[in-house]
PDB file of N, CA and C in Angstrom:
ATOM      1  N   MET A   1      10.099 -31.859  51.987  1.00  0.00           N
ATOM      2  CA  MET A   1       8.574 -31.114  52.824  1.00  0.00           C
ATOM      3  C   MET A   1       8.958 -30.441  53.893  1.00  0.00           C
ATOM      4  N   THR A   2       8.255 -28.786  53.948  1.00  0.00           N
ATOM      5  CA  THR A   2       8.817 -28.403  54.921  1.00  0.00           C
ATOM      6  C   THR A   2       7.799 -28.560  56.465  1.00  0.00           C
ATOM      7  N   ARG A   3       8.123 -27.830  57.659  1.00  0.00           N
ATOM      8  CA  ARG A   3       7.601 -28.178  58.896  1.00  0.00           C
ATOM      9  C   ARG A   3       6.328 -28.251  58.696  1.00  0.00           C
ATOM     10  N   ARG A   4       6.014 -27.320  58.045  1.00  0.00           N
ATOM     11  CA  ARG A   4       4.058 -26.681  58.224  1.00  0.00           C
ATOM     12  C   ARG A   4       3.384 -28.129  56.722  1.00  0.00           C
ATOM     13  N   ASP A   5       3.853 -28.084  56.031  1.00  0.00           N
ATOM     14  CA  ASP A   5       4.066 -29.550  55.312  1.00  0.00           C
ATOM     15  C   ASP A   5       3.379 -30.632  55.944  1.00  0.00           C
ATOM     16  N   SER A   6       4.472 -30.866  56.450  1.00  0.00           N
ATOM     17  CA  SER A   6       4.750 -31.769  57.464  1.00  0.00           C
ATOM     18  C   SER A   6       3.000 -31.986  58.750  1.00  0.00           C
ATOM     19  N   LEU A   7       3.269 -31.119  59.135  1.00  0.00           N
ATOM     20  CA  LEU A   7       2.076 -30.663  60.229  1.00  0.00           C
ATOM     21  C   LEU A   7       0.390 -30.575  59.528  1.00  0.00           C
ATOM     22  N   VAL A   8       0.592 -30.377  58.341  1.00  0.00           N
ATOM     23  CA  VAL A   8      -0.923 -30.474  57.872  1.00  0.00           C
ATOM     24  C   VAL A   8      -1.024 -31.835  57.114  1.00  0.00           C
ATOM     25  N   THR A   9      -0.109 -32.536  56.888  1.00  0.00           N
ATOM     26  CA  THR A   9      -0.374 -33.694  56.467  1.00  0.00           C
ATOM     27  C   THR A   9      -0.341 -34.440  58.092  1.00  0.00           C
ATOM     28  N   ALA A  10       0.163 -34.670  59.365  1.00  0.00           N
ATOM     29  CA  ALA A  10      -0.116 -35.228  59.834  1.00  0.00           C
ATOM     30  C   ALA A  10      -2.011 -34.706  60.642  1.00  0.00           C
ATOM     31  N   ALA A  11      -1.931 -33.761  60.625  1.00  0.00           N
ATOM     32  CA  ALA A  11      -3.495 -33.510  61.123  1.00  0.00           C
ATOM     33  C   ALA A  11      -4.862 -34.034  59.997  1.00  0.00           C
ATOM     34  N   MET A  12      -4.061 -34.142  58.691  1.00  0.00           N
ATOM     35  CA  MET A  12      -5.149 -34.668  57.832  1.00  0.00           C
ATOM     36  C   MET A  12      -5.257 -36.266  57.713  1.00  0.00           C
ATOM     37  N   LEU A  13      -3.984 -36.382  58.528  1.00  0.00           N
ATOM     38  CA  LEU A  13      -4.328 -38.310  58.682  1.00  0.00           C
ATOM     39  C   LEU A  13      -4.740 -38.508  59.635  1.00  0.00           C
ATOM     40  N   LEU A  14      -4.666 -37.561  60.798  1.00  0.00           N
ATOM     41  CA  LEU A  14      -5.605 -38.029  62.117  1.00  0.00           C
ATOM     42  C   LEU A  14      -6.848 -37.650  61.421  1.00  0.00           C
ATOM     43  N   ILE A  15      -7.604 -36.334  60.804  1.00  0.00           N
ATOM     44  CA  ILE A  15      -8.852 -36.122  60.900  1.00  0.00           C
ATOM     45  C   ILE A  15      -9.500 -37.472  59.758  1.00  0.00           C
ATOM     46  N   CYS A  16      -8.781 -38.218  59.092  1.00  0.00           N
ATOM     47  CA  CYS A  16      -8.791 -39.122  58.211  1.00  0.00           C
ATOM     48  C   CYS A  16      -9.062 -40.696  59.137  1.00  0.00           C
ATOM     49  N   ALA A  17      -8.367 -40.951  59.932  1.00  0.00           N
ATOM     50  CA  ALA A  17      -8.397 -41.605  60.971  1.00  0.00           C
ATOM     51  C   ALA A  17      -9.688 -41.928  62.090  1.00  0.00           C
ATOM     52  N   GLY A  18      -9.973 -40.559  62.229  1.00  0.00           N
ATOM     53  CA  GLY A  18     -11.170 -40.085  63.091  1.00  0.00           C
ATOM     54  C   GLY A  18     -12.389 -40.861  62.165  1.00  0.00           C
ATOM     55  N   ILE A  19     -12.697 -40.170  61.289  1.00  0.00           N
ATOM     56  CA  ILE A  19     -13.614 -40.590  60.271  1.00  0.00           C
ATOM     57  C   ILE A  19     -13.624 -42.013  60.189  1.00  0.00           C
ATOM     58  N   LEU A  20     -12.886 -42.904  59.233  1.00  0.00           N
ATOM     59  CA  LEU A  20     -12.955 -44.011  59.825  1.00  0.00           C
ATOM     60  C   LEU A  20     -13.113 -44.963  60.791  1.00  0.00           C
ATOM     61  N   VAL A  21     -12.903 -44.374  61.902  1.00  0.00           N
ATOM     62  CA  VAL A  21     -13.490 -44.918  63.407  1.00  0.00           C
ATOM     63  C   VAL A  21     -14.716 -44.435  63.582  1.00  0.00           C
ATOM     64  N   LEU A  22     -15.099 -43.668  63.413  1.00  0.00           N
ATOM     65  CA  LEU A  22     -16.198 -43.107  63.737  1.00  0.00           C
ATOM     66  C   LEU A  22     -17.288 -44.102  62.550  1.00  0.00           C
ATOM     67  N   PHE A  23     -16.934 -44.234  61.254  1.00  0.00           N
ATOM     68  CA  PHE A  23     -17.622 -44.950  60.483  1.00  0.00           C
ATOM     69  C   PHE A  23     -17.756 -46.492  60.370  1.00  0.00           C
ATOM     70  N   THR A  24     -16.723 -46.881  61.239  1.00  0.00           N
ATOM     71  CA  THR A  24     -16.660 -48.241  61.579  1.00  0.00           C
ATOM     72  C   THR A  24     -17.216 -48.430  62.796  1.00  0.00           C
ATOM     73  N   ASP A  25     -17.350 -47.739  63.944  1.00  0.00           N
ATOM     74  CA  ASP A  25     -17.735 -47.975  64.874  1.00  0.00           C
ATOM     75  C   ASP A  25     -19.924 -48.113  64.966  1.00  0.00           C
ATOM     76  N   VAL A  26     -20.258 -46.869  63.774  1.00  0.00           N
ATOM     77  CA  VAL A  26     -21.570 -47.141  63.422  1.00  0.00           C
ATOM     78  C   VAL A  26     -21.880 -48.227  62.638  1.00  0.00           C
ATOM     79  N   GLU A  27     -20.827 -48.400  61.967  1.00  0.00           N
ATOM     80  CA  GLU A  27     -21.483 -49.752  60.635  1.00  0.00           C
ATOM     81  C   GLU A  27     -21.357 -50.823  62.038  1.00  0.00           C
ATOM     82  N   THR A  28     -20.692 -50.905  62.738  1.00  0.00           N
ATOM     83  CA  THR A  28     -20.841 -51.594  64.058  1.00  0.00           C
ATOM     84  C   THR A  28     -22.179 -52.118  64.605  1.00  0.00           C
ATOM     85  N   LYS A  29     -22.749 -51.065  64.940  1.00  0.00           N
ATOM     86  CA  LYS A  29     -23.940 -50.824  65.599  1.00  0.00           C
ATOM     87  C   LYS A  29     -25.108 -50.962  64.737  1.00  0.00           C
ATOM     88  N   ALA A  30     -25.104 -50.617  63.408  1.00  0.00           N
ATOM     89  CA  ALA A  30     -26.311 -50.882  62.407  1.00  0.00           C
ATOM     90  C   ALA A  30     -26.171 -52.527  62.286  1.00  0.00           C
ATOM     91  N   LEU A  31     -25.277 -52.893  62.273  1.00  0.00           N
ATOM     92  CA  LEU A  31     -25.086 -54.595  61.917  1.00  0.00           C
ATOM     93  C   LEU A  31     -25.442 -54.943  62.765  1.00  0.00           C
ATOM     94  N   ARG A  32     -25.488 -54.662  63.837  1.00  0.00           N
ATOM     95  CA  ARG A  32     -25.855 -55.485  65.428  1.00  0.00           C
ATOM     96  C   ARG A  32     -27.308 -55.302  65.096  1.00  0.00           C
ATOM     97  N   TRP A  33     -27.469 -53.922  64.960  1.00  0.00           N
ATOM     98  CA  TRP A  33     -29.221 -54.201  65.303  1.00  0.00           C
ATOM     99  C   TRP A  33     -29.808 -54.675  64.294  1.00  0.00           C
ATOM    100  N   LEU A  34     -29.445 -54.797  62.815  1.00  0.00           N
ATOM    101  CA  LEU A  34     -30.091 -55.314  61.765  1.00  0.00           C
ATOM    102  C   LEU A  34     -30.491 -57.195  62.092  1.00  0.00           C
ATOM    103  N   ASN A  35     -29.198 -57.402  62.821  1.00  0.00           N
ATOM    104  CA  ASN A  35     -28.746 -59.207  62.930  1.00  0.00           C
ATOM    105  C   ASN A  35     -30.039 -59.483  64.248  1.00  0.00           C
ATOM    106  N   CYS A  36     -29.982 -58.505  65.063  1.00  0.00           N
ATOM    107  CA  CYS A  36     -30.153 -58.684  66.458  1.00  0.00           C
ATOM    108  C   CYS A  36     -31.995 -57.954  66.905  1.00  0.00           C
ATOM    109  N   GLY A  37     -31.995 -56.997  66.193  1.00  0.00           N
ATOM    110  CA  GLY A  37     -33.232 -56.139  66.675  1.00  0.00           C
ATOM    111  C   GLY A  37     -34.777 -56.903  65.827  1.00  0.00           C
ATOM    112  N   PRO A  38     -35.606 -55.760  65.352  1.00  0.00           N
ATOM    113  CA  PRO A  38     -36.407 -56.554  65.574  1.00  0.00           C
ATOM    114  C   PRO A  38     -36.938 -57.255  64.293  1.00  0.00           C
ATOM    115  N   LEU A  39     -35.956 -57.250  63.045  1.00  0.00           N
ATOM    116  CA  LEU A  39     -36.405 -57.778  61.704  1.00  0.00           C
ATOM    117  C   LEU A  39     -35.929 -59.058  61.638  1.00  0.00           C
ATOM    118  N   ALA A  40     -34.798 -59.570  63.141  1.00  0.00           N
ATOM    119  CA  ALA A  40     -34.253 -60.796  63.326  1.00  0.00           C
ATOM    120  C   ALA A  40     -35.333 -61.467  63.939  1.00  0.00           C
ATOM    121  N   SER A  41     -34.874 -62.854  63.707  1.00  0.00           N
ATOM    122  CA  SER A  41     -35.150 -64.499  63.554  1.00  0.00           C
ATOM    123  C   SER A  41     -35.478 -64.726  65.220  1.00  0.00           C
ATOM    124  N   PRO A  42     -35.869 -64.869  65.792  1.00  0.00           N
ATOM    125  CA  PRO A  42     -35.743 -65.428  67.205  1.00  0.00           C
ATOM    126  C   PRO A  42     -34.347 -66.740  67.162  1.00  0.00           C
ATOM    127  N   ALA A  43     -34.229 -66.979  66.457  1.00  0.00           N
ATOM    128  CA  ALA A  43     -33.074 -67.780  66.627  1.00  0.00           C
ATOM    129  C   ALA A  43     -31.478 -67.062  66.415  1.00  0.00           C
ATOM    130  N   GLN A  44     -31.929 -65.759  65.733  1.00  0.00           N
ATOM    131  CA  GLN A  44     -30.608 -64.707  65.729  1.00  0.00           C
ATOM    132  C   GLN A  44     -30.386 -64.132  66.845  1.00  0.00           C
ATOM    133  N   ARG A  45     -31.738 -63.785  67.742  1.00  0.00           N
ATOM    134  CA  ARG A  45     -31.695 -62.940  68.494  1.00  0.00           C
ATOM    135  C   ARG A  45     -31.154 -63.606  69.920  1.00  0.00           C
ATOM    136  N   ALA A  46     -31.419 -65.098  70.072  1.00  0.00           N
ATOM    137  CA  ALA A  46     -31.024 -66.102  71.199  1.00  0.00           C
ATOM    138  C   ALA A  46     -29.206 -66.446  70.183  1.00  0.00           C
ATOM    139  N   SER A  47     -28.980 -66.252  69.807  1.00  0.00           N
ATOM    140  CA  SER A  47     -27.274 -66.444  69.247  1.00  0.00           C
ATOM    141  C   SER A  47     -26.449 -65.808  70.024  1.00  0.00           C
ATOM    142  N   GLU A  48     -24.875 -66.208  70.185  1.00  0.00           N
ATOM    143  CA  GLU A  48     -24.005 -65.770  71.489  1.00  0.00           C
ATOM    144  C   GLU A  48     -23.671 -63.932  70.957  1.00  0.00           C
ATOM    145  N   ILE A  49     -23.673 -63.621  69.353  1.00  0.00           N
ATOM    146  CA  ILE A  49     -23.400 -62.577  69.374  1.00  0.00           C
ATOM    147  C   ILE A  49     -24.419 -61.096  70.248  1.00  0.00           C
ATOM    148  N   CYS A  50     -25.729 -61.718  70.041  1.00  0.00           N
ATOM    149  CA  CYS A  50     -26.914 -60.598  69.783  1.00  0.00           C
ATOM    150  C   CYS A  50     -26.622 -61.108  72.025  1.00  0.00           C
ATOM    151  N   ARG A  51     -26.142 -61.195  72.732  1.00  0.00           N
ATOM    152  CA  ARG A  51     -26.603 -61.529  74.326  1.00  0.00           C
ATOM    153  C   ARG A  51     -25.365 -60.779  74.562  1.00  0.00           C
TER     154      ARG A  51
END
């Protein structure tokens, strides 16, 4: 691989890692909203995770 190929590979890895982190963060917030939000039972809202 040439130096240019290595830079392109590194850039693509950084982009993919950034997308993975972004979607993981969004998924975590969505799950918290579903488990602790308006559709959750009172017992779920009082749980340790929702505090």
